[in-house]
Amino acid sequence: MLEDQSQRGVKLAYTIVERDKDGRKFWVRVGAAFVNRDGSLNVRLDAMPVNGQLHIRDYQPPENRDGTPRGRAA
């Protein structure tokens, strides 16, 4: 039986970038992470964060993030 992605331990890797001019913070997706049987993580990066920081969060499909499908207004 196939498990959904959240049960398999799929996570997304982000770096949080703060703009100098106004201090706003932006989350930039830089890769994915996968949970091993022993609880450790394998991280696959598509980009290297220049600030050296990763923020790893559980994967959530776009329609589950705020209750509305992506690209549609509420």
PDB file of N, CA and C in Angstrom:
ATOM      1  N   MET A   1       0.844  -1.177   0.000  1.00  0.00           N
ATOM      2  CA  MET A   1       0.000   0.000   0.000  1.00  0.00           C
ATOM      3  C   MET A   1       0.895   1.248   0.000  1.00  0.00           C
ATOM      4  N   LEU A   2       0.568   2.214  -0.866  1.00  0.00           N
ATOM      5  CA  LEU A   2       1.338   3.455  -0.925  1.00  0.00           C
ATOM      6  C   LEU A   2       0.874   4.408   0.164  1.00  0.00           C
ATOM      7  N   GLU A   3       1.815   5.055   0.778  1.00  0.00           N
ATOM      8  CA  GLU A   3       1.495   6.063   1.785  1.00  0.00           C
ATOM      9  C   GLU A   3       1.540   7.430   1.134  1.00  0.00           C
ATOM     10  N   ASP A   4       0.790   8.412   1.686  1.00  0.00           N
ATOM     11  CA  ASP A   4       0.902   9.755   1.121  1.00  0.00           C
ATOM     12  C   ASP A   4       2.239  10.378   1.525  1.00  0.00           C
ATOM     13  N   GLN A   5       2.583  11.494   0.872  1.00  0.00           N
ATOM     14  CA  GLN A   5       3.911  12.082   1.061  1.00  0.00           C
ATOM     15  C   GLN A   5       4.180  12.502   2.494  1.00  0.00           C
ATOM     16  N   SER A   6       3.191  13.008   3.212  1.00  0.00           N
ATOM     17  CA  SER A   6       3.435  13.447   4.585  1.00  0.00           C
ATOM     18  C   SER A   6       3.745  12.261   5.498  1.00  0.00           C
ATOM     19  N   GLN A   7       3.161  11.108   5.235  1.00  0.00           N
ATOM     20  CA  GLN A   7       3.442   9.926   6.048  1.00  0.00           C
ATOM     21  C   GLN A   7       4.821   9.373   5.749  1.00  0.00           C
ATOM     22  N   ARG A   8       5.313   9.548   4.535  1.00  0.00           N
ATOM     23  CA  ARG A   8       6.632   9.063   4.176  1.00  0.00           C
ATOM     24  C   ARG A   8       7.720   9.989   4.676  1.00  0.00           C
ATOM     25  N   GLY A   9       7.357  11.153   5.176  1.00  0.00           N
ATOM     26  CA  GLY A   9       8.360  12.048   5.724  1.00  0.00           C
ATOM     27  C   GLY A   9       8.973  12.984   4.718  1.00  0.00           C
ATOM     28  N   VAL A  10       8.210  13.409   3.705  1.00  0.00           N
ATOM     29  CA  VAL A  10       8.712  14.382   2.743  1.00  0.00           C
ATOM     30  C   VAL A  10       8.596  15.772   3.357  1.00  0.00           C
ATOM     31  N   LYS A  11       9.662  16.525   3.252  1.00  0.00           N
ATOM     32  CA  LYS A  11       9.693  17.879   3.796  1.00  0.00           C
ATOM     33  C   LYS A  11      10.255  18.814   2.732  1.00  0.00           C
ATOM     34  N   LEU A  12      10.036  20.107   2.895  1.00  0.00           N
ATOM     35  CA  LEU A  12      10.576  21.108   1.977  1.00  0.00           C
ATOM     36  C   LEU A  12      11.632  21.930   2.696  1.00  0.00           C
ATOM     37  N   ALA A  13      12.671  22.290   1.972  1.00  0.00           N
ATOM     38  CA  ALA A  13      13.766  23.088   2.534  1.00  0.00           C
ATOM     39  C   ALA A  13      13.663  24.520   2.008  1.00  0.00           C
ATOM     40  N   TYR A  14      13.695  25.475   2.913  1.00  0.00           N
ATOM     41  CA  TYR A  14      13.615  26.893   2.573  1.00  0.00           C
ATOM     42  C   TYR A  14      14.787  27.626   3.211  1.00  0.00           C
ATOM     43  N   THR A  15      15.094  28.785   2.658  1.00  0.00           N
ATOM     44  CA  THR A  15      15.943  29.739   3.344  1.00  0.00           C
ATOM     45  C   THR A  15      15.120  31.014   3.458  1.00  0.00           C
ATOM     46  N   ILE A  16      15.292  31.734   4.537  1.00  0.00           N
ATOM     47  CA  ILE A  16      14.526  32.963   4.756  1.00  0.00           C
ATOM     48  C   ILE A  16      15.464  34.135   4.518  1.00  0.00           C
ATOM     49  N   VAL A  17      15.110  34.933   3.506  1.00  0.00           N
ATOM     50  CA  VAL A  17      15.942  36.045   3.072  1.00  0.00           C
ATOM     51  C   VAL A  17      15.297  37.350   3.522  1.00  0.00           C
ATOM     52  N   GLU A  18      16.077  38.190   4.188  1.00  0.00           N
ATOM     53  CA  GLU A  18      15.576  39.494   4.630  1.00  0.00           C
ATOM     54  C   GLU A  18      16.130  40.581   3.716  1.00  0.00           C
ATOM     55  N   ARG A  19      15.215  41.398   3.165  1.00  0.00           N
ATOM     56  CA  ARG A  19      15.648  42.500   2.308  1.00  0.00           C
ATOM     57  C   ARG A  19      16.212  43.622   3.151  1.00  0.00           C
ATOM     58  N   ASP A  20      17.306  44.215   2.676  1.00  0.00           N
ATOM     59  CA  ASP A  20      17.952  45.307   3.405  1.00  0.00           C
ATOM     60  C   ASP A  20      17.108  46.575   3.424  1.00  0.00           C
ATOM     61  N   LYS A  21      16.465  46.890   2.292  1.00  0.00           N
ATOM     62  CA  LYS A  21      15.799  48.188   2.202  1.00  0.00           C
ATOM     63  C   LYS A  21      14.564  48.332   3.087  1.00  0.00           C
ATOM     64  N   ASP A  22      13.814  47.259   3.313  1.00  0.00           N
ATOM     65  CA  ASP A  22      12.606  47.404   4.133  1.00  0.00           C
ATOM     66  C   ASP A  22      12.463  46.340   5.222  1.00  0.00           C
ATOM     67  N   GLY A  23      13.400  45.412   5.299  1.00  0.00           N
ATOM     68  CA  GLY A  23      13.367  44.413   6.365  1.00  0.00           C
ATOM     69  C   GLY A  23      12.373  43.290   6.159  1.00  0.00           C
ATOM     70  N   ARG A  24      11.656  43.281   5.014  1.00  0.00           N
ATOM     71  CA  ARG A  24      10.698  42.206   4.755  1.00  0.00           C
ATOM     72  C   ARG A  24      11.432  40.898   4.567  1.00  0.00           C
ATOM     73  N   LYS A  25      10.795  39.811   5.016  1.00  0.00           N
ATOM     74  CA  LYS A  25      11.399  38.481   4.913  1.00  0.00           C
ATOM     75  C   LYS A  25      10.654  37.662   3.856  1.00  0.00           C
ATOM     76  N   PHE A  26      11.428  36.944   3.047  1.00  0.00           N
ATOM     77  CA  PHE A  26      10.873  36.103   2.004  1.00  0.00           C
ATOM     78  C   PHE A  26      11.367  34.683   2.178  1.00  0.00           C
ATOM     79  N   TRP A  27      10.453  33.733   2.041  1.00  0.00           N
ATOM     80  CA  TRP A  27      10.806  32.320   2.116  1.00  0.00           C
ATOM     81  C   TRP A  27      11.098  31.846   0.702  1.00  0.00           C
ATOM     82  N   VAL A  28      12.298  31.346   0.488  1.00  0.00           N
ATOM     83  CA  VAL A  28      12.719  30.878  -0.823  1.00  0.00           C
ATOM     84  C   VAL A  28      12.937  29.364  -0.733  1.00  0.00           C
ATOM     85  N   ARG A  29      12.191  28.630  -1.551  1.00  0.00           N
ATOM     86  CA  ARG A  29      12.350  27.166  -1.535  1.00  0.00           C
ATOM     87  C   ARG A  29      13.659  26.810  -2.219  1.00  0.00           C
ATOM     88  N   VAL A  30      14.494  26.046  -1.531  1.00  0.00           N
ATOM     89  CA  VAL A  30      15.806  25.687  -2.075  1.00  0.00           C
ATOM     90  C   VAL A  30      16.002  24.178  -2.218  1.00  0.00           C
ATOM     91  N   GLY A  31      15.003  23.376  -1.838  1.00  0.00           N
ATOM     92  CA  GLY A  31      15.161  21.939  -1.988  1.00  0.00           C
ATOM     93  C   GLY A  31      14.121  21.149  -1.212  1.00  0.00           C
ATOM     94  N   ALA A  32      14.429  19.871  -1.014  1.00  0.00           N
ATOM     95  CA  ALA A  32      13.530  18.959  -0.309  1.00  0.00           C
ATOM     96  C   ALA A  32      14.349  18.100   0.649  1.00  0.00           C
ATOM     97  N   ALA A  33      13.650  17.523   1.622  1.00  0.00           N
ATOM     98  CA  ALA A  33      14.303  16.641   2.593  1.00  0.00           C
ATOM     99  C   ALA A  33      13.429  15.403   2.776  1.00  0.00           C
ATOM    100  N   PHE A  34      14.076  14.299   3.062  1.00  0.00           N
ATOM    101  CA  PHE A  34      13.380  13.033   3.213  1.00  0.00           C
ATOM    102  C   PHE A  34      13.820  12.380   4.523  1.00  0.00           C
ATOM    103  N   VAL A  35      12.844  11.914   5.296  1.00  0.00           N
ATOM    104  CA  VAL A  35      13.129  11.313   6.595  1.00  0.00           C
ATOM    105  C   VAL A  35      13.490   9.847   6.401  1.00  0.00           C
ATOM    106  N   ASN A  36      14.614   9.440   6.983  1.00  0.00           N
ATOM    107  CA  ASN A  36      15.062   8.050   6.951  1.00  0.00           C
ATOM    108  C   ASN A  36      14.386   7.259   8.066  1.00  0.00           C
ATOM    109  N   ARG A  37      14.509   5.947   8.008  1.00  0.00           N
ATOM    110  CA  ARG A  37      13.899   5.092   9.029  1.00  0.00           C
ATOM    111  C   ARG A  37      14.374   5.414  10.430  1.00  0.00           C
ATOM    112  N   ASP A  38      15.627   5.859  10.558  1.00  0.00           N
ATOM    113  CA  ASP A  38      16.167   6.162  11.885  1.00  0.00           C
ATOM    114  C   ASP A  38      15.876   7.588  12.336  1.00  0.00           C
ATOM    115  N   GLY A  39      15.096   8.342  11.552  1.00  0.00           N
ATOM    116  CA  GLY A  39      14.722   9.702  11.928  1.00  0.00           C
ATOM    117  C   GLY A  39      15.655  10.774  11.396  1.00  0.00           C
ATOM    118  N   SER A  40      16.780  10.377  10.809  1.00  0.00           N
ATOM    119  CA  SER A  40      17.691  11.361  10.222  1.00  0.00           C
ATOM    120  C   SER A  40      17.121  11.866   8.891  1.00  0.00           C
ATOM    121  N   LEU A  41      17.732  12.915   8.353  1.00  0.00           N
ATOM    122  CA  LEU A  41      17.237  13.527   7.116  1.00  0.00           C
ATOM    123  C   LEU A  41      18.272  13.432   6.001  1.00  0.00           C
ATOM    124  N   ASN A  42      17.790  13.186   4.794  1.00  0.00           N
ATOM    125  CA  ASN A  42      18.575  13.385   3.585  1.00  0.00           C
ATOM    126  C   ASN A  42      18.045  14.660   2.954  1.00  0.00           C
ATOM    127  N   VAL A  43      18.905  15.634   2.716  1.00  0.00           N
ATOM    128  CA  VAL A  43      18.485  16.918   2.156  1.00  0.00           C
ATOM    129  C   VAL A  43      19.060  17.046   0.756  1.00  0.00           C
ATOM    130  N   ARG A  44      18.200  17.357  -0.205  1.00  0.00           N
ATOM    131  CA  ARG A  44      18.601  17.579  -1.598  1.00  0.00           C
ATOM    132  C   ARG A  44      18.369  19.056  -1.910  1.00  0.00           C
ATOM    133  N   LEU A  45      19.446  19.774  -2.176  1.00  0.00           N
ATOM    134  CA  LEU A  45      19.341  21.203  -2.441  1.00  0.00           C
ATOM    135  C   LEU A  45      19.434  21.489  -3.931  1.00  0.00           C
ATOM    136  N   ASP A  46      18.545  22.371  -4.410  1.00  0.00           N
ATOM    137  CA  ASP A  46      18.588  22.876  -5.777  1.00  0.00           C
ATOM    138  C   ASP A  46      19.358  24.186  -5.827  1.00  0.00           C
ATOM    139  N   ALA A  47      19.509  24.821  -4.685  1.00  0.00           N
ATOM    140  CA  ALA A  47      20.240  26.080  -4.570  1.00  0.00           C
ATOM    141  C   ALA A  47      20.914  26.112  -3.206  1.00  0.00           C
ATOM    142  N   MET A  48      22.009  26.816  -3.112  1.00  0.00           N
ATOM    143  CA  MET A  48      22.739  26.922  -1.853  1.00  0.00           C
ATOM    144  C   MET A  48      22.391  28.251  -1.199  1.00  0.00           C
ATOM    145  N   PRO A  49      21.840  28.228   0.018  1.00  0.00           N
ATOM    146  CA  PRO A  49      21.508  29.487   0.689  1.00  0.00           C
ATOM    147  C   PRO A  49      22.787  30.241   1.067  1.00  0.00           C
ATOM    148  N   VAL A  50      22.870  31.497   0.650  1.00  0.00           N
ATOM    149  CA  VAL A  50      24.081  32.272   0.929  1.00  0.00           C
ATOM    150  C   VAL A  50      24.192  32.654   2.402  1.00  0.00           C
ATOM    151  N   ASN A  51      23.063  32.633   3.130  1.00  0.00           N
ATOM    152  CA  ASN A  51      23.124  32.950   4.554  1.00  0.00           C
ATOM    153  C   ASN A  51      23.458  31.714   5.394  1.00  0.00           C
ATOM    154  N   GLY A  52      23.565  30.547   4.746  1.00  0.00           N
ATOM    155  CA  GLY A  52      23.954  29.327   5.449  1.00  0.00           C
ATOM    156  C   GLY A  52      22.865  28.719   6.314  1.00  0.00           C
ATOM    157  N   GLN A  53      21.632  29.195   6.180  1.00  0.00           N
ATOM    158  CA  GLN A  53      20.549  28.705   7.035  1.00  0.00           C
ATOM    159  C   GLN A  53      19.484  27.999   6.213  1.00  0.00           C
ATOM    160  N   LEU A  54      19.017  26.857   6.739  1.00  0.00           N
ATOM    161  CA  LEU A  54      17.906  26.123   6.153  1.00  0.00           C
ATOM    162  C   LEU A  54      16.770  26.062   7.148  1.00  0.00           C
ATOM    163  N   HIS A  55      15.567  26.153   6.640  1.00  0.00           N
ATOM    164  CA  HIS A  55      14.371  25.969   7.455  1.00  0.00           C
ATOM    165  C   HIS A  55      13.620  24.818   6.800  1.00  0.00           C
ATOM    166  N   ILE A  56      13.463  23.701   7.502  1.00  0.00           N
ATOM    167  CA  ILE A  56      12.849  22.511   6.927  1.00  0.00           C
ATOM    168  C   ILE A  56      11.476  22.318   7.553  1.00  0.00           C
ATOM    169  N   ARG A  57      10.461  22.209   6.666  1.00  0.00           N
ATOM    170  CA  ARG A  57       9.069  22.081   7.107  1.00  0.00           C
ATOM    171  C   ARG A  57       8.416  20.881   6.434  1.00  0.00           C
ATOM    172  N   ASP A  58       7.392  20.324   7.096  1.00  0.00           N
ATOM    173  CA  ASP A  58       6.628  19.235   6.497  1.00  0.00           C
ATOM    174  C   ASP A  58       5.966  19.712   5.212  1.00  0.00           C
ATOM    175  N   TYR A  59       5.905  18.830   4.213  1.00  0.00           N
ATOM    176  CA  TYR A  59       5.246  19.140   2.953  1.00  0.00           C
ATOM    177  C   TYR A  59       3.747  19.251   3.182  1.00  0.00           C
ATOM    178  N   GLN A  60       3.143  20.283   2.595  1.00  0.00           N
ATOM    179  CA  GLN A  60       1.694  20.432   2.580  1.00  0.00           C
ATOM    180  C   GLN A  60       1.293  20.782   1.156  1.00  0.00           C
ATOM    181  N   PRO A  61       0.352  20.036   0.562  1.00  0.00           N
ATOM    182  CA  PRO A  61      -0.107  20.387  -0.778  1.00  0.00           C
ATOM    183  C   PRO A  61      -0.647  21.813  -0.798  1.00  0.00           C
ATOM    184  N   PRO A  62      -0.530  22.515  -1.928  1.00  0.00           N
ATOM    185  CA  PRO A  62      -0.964  23.915  -1.985  1.00  0.00           C
ATOM    186  C   PRO A  62      -2.404  24.139  -1.526  1.00  0.00           C
ATOM    187  N   GLU A  63      -3.319  23.214  -1.828  1.00  0.00           N
ATOM    188  CA  GLU A  63      -4.715  23.416  -1.432  1.00  0.00           C
ATOM    189  C   GLU A  63      -4.924  23.277   0.064  1.00  0.00           C
ATOM    190  N   ASN A  64      -3.973  22.690   0.796  1.00  0.00           N
ATOM    191  CA  ASN A  64      -4.100  22.533   2.250  1.00  0.00           C
ATOM    192  C   ASN A  64      -3.438  23.659   3.032  1.00  0.00           C
ATOM    193  N   ARG A  65      -2.737  24.561   2.384  1.00  0.00           N
ATOM    194  CA  ARG A  65      -1.992  25.593   3.104  1.00  0.00           C
ATOM    195  C   ARG A  65      -2.904  26.653   3.698  1.00  0.00           C
ATOM    196  N   ASP A  66      -3.857  27.148   2.904  1.00  0.00           N
ATOM    197  CA  ASP A  66      -4.749  28.183   3.431  1.00  0.00           C
ATOM    198  C   ASP A  66      -6.212  27.905   3.129  1.00  0.00           C
ATOM    199  N   GLY A  67      -6.494  26.722   2.602  1.00  0.00           N
ATOM    200  CA  GLY A  67      -7.868  26.354   2.337  1.00  0.00           C
ATOM    201  C   GLY A  67      -8.363  26.698   0.948  1.00  0.00           C
ATOM    202  N   THR A  68      -7.603  27.467   0.171  1.00  0.00           N
ATOM    203  CA  THR A  68      -8.008  27.803  -1.184  1.00  0.00           C
ATOM    204  C   THR A  68      -6.987  27.241  -2.165  1.00  0.00           C
ATOM    205  N   PRO A  69      -7.460  26.775  -3.326  1.00  0.00           N
ATOM    206  CA  PRO A  69      -6.517  26.278  -4.325  1.00  0.00           C
ATOM    207  C   PRO A  69      -5.559  27.367  -4.767  1.00  0.00           C
ATOM    208  N   ARG A  70      -4.351  26.980  -5.119  1.00  0.00           N
ATOM    209  CA  ARG A  70      -3.328  27.938  -5.531  1.00  0.00           C
ATOM    210  C   ARG A  70      -3.771  28.690  -6.791  1.00  0.00           C
ATOM    211  N   GLY A  71      -3.548  29.992  -6.801  1.00  0.00           N
ATOM    212  CA  GLY A  71      -3.883  30.798  -7.959  1.00  0.00           C
ATOM    213  C   GLY A  71      -5.314  31.282  -7.990  1.00  0.00           C
ATOM    214  N   ARG A  72      -6.086  30.996  -6.962  1.00  0.00           N
ATOM    215  CA  ARG A  72      -7.487  31.432  -6.910  1.00  0.00           C
ATOM    216  C   ARG A  72      -7.717  32.287  -5.678  1.00  0.00           C
ATOM    217  N   ALA A  73      -8.483  33.341  -5.865  1.00  0.00           N
ATOM    218  CA  ALA A  73      -8.812  34.222  -4.738  1.00  0.00           C
ATOM    219  C   ALA A  73      -9.914  33.613  -3.902  1.00  0.00           C
ATOM    220  N   ALA A  74      -9.950  33.970  -2.648  1.00  0.00           N
ATOM    221  CA  ALA A  74     -10.959  33.438  -1.730  1.00  0.00           C
ATOM    222  C   ALA A  74     -12.305  34.085  -1.964  1.00  0.00           C
TER     223      ALA A  74
END
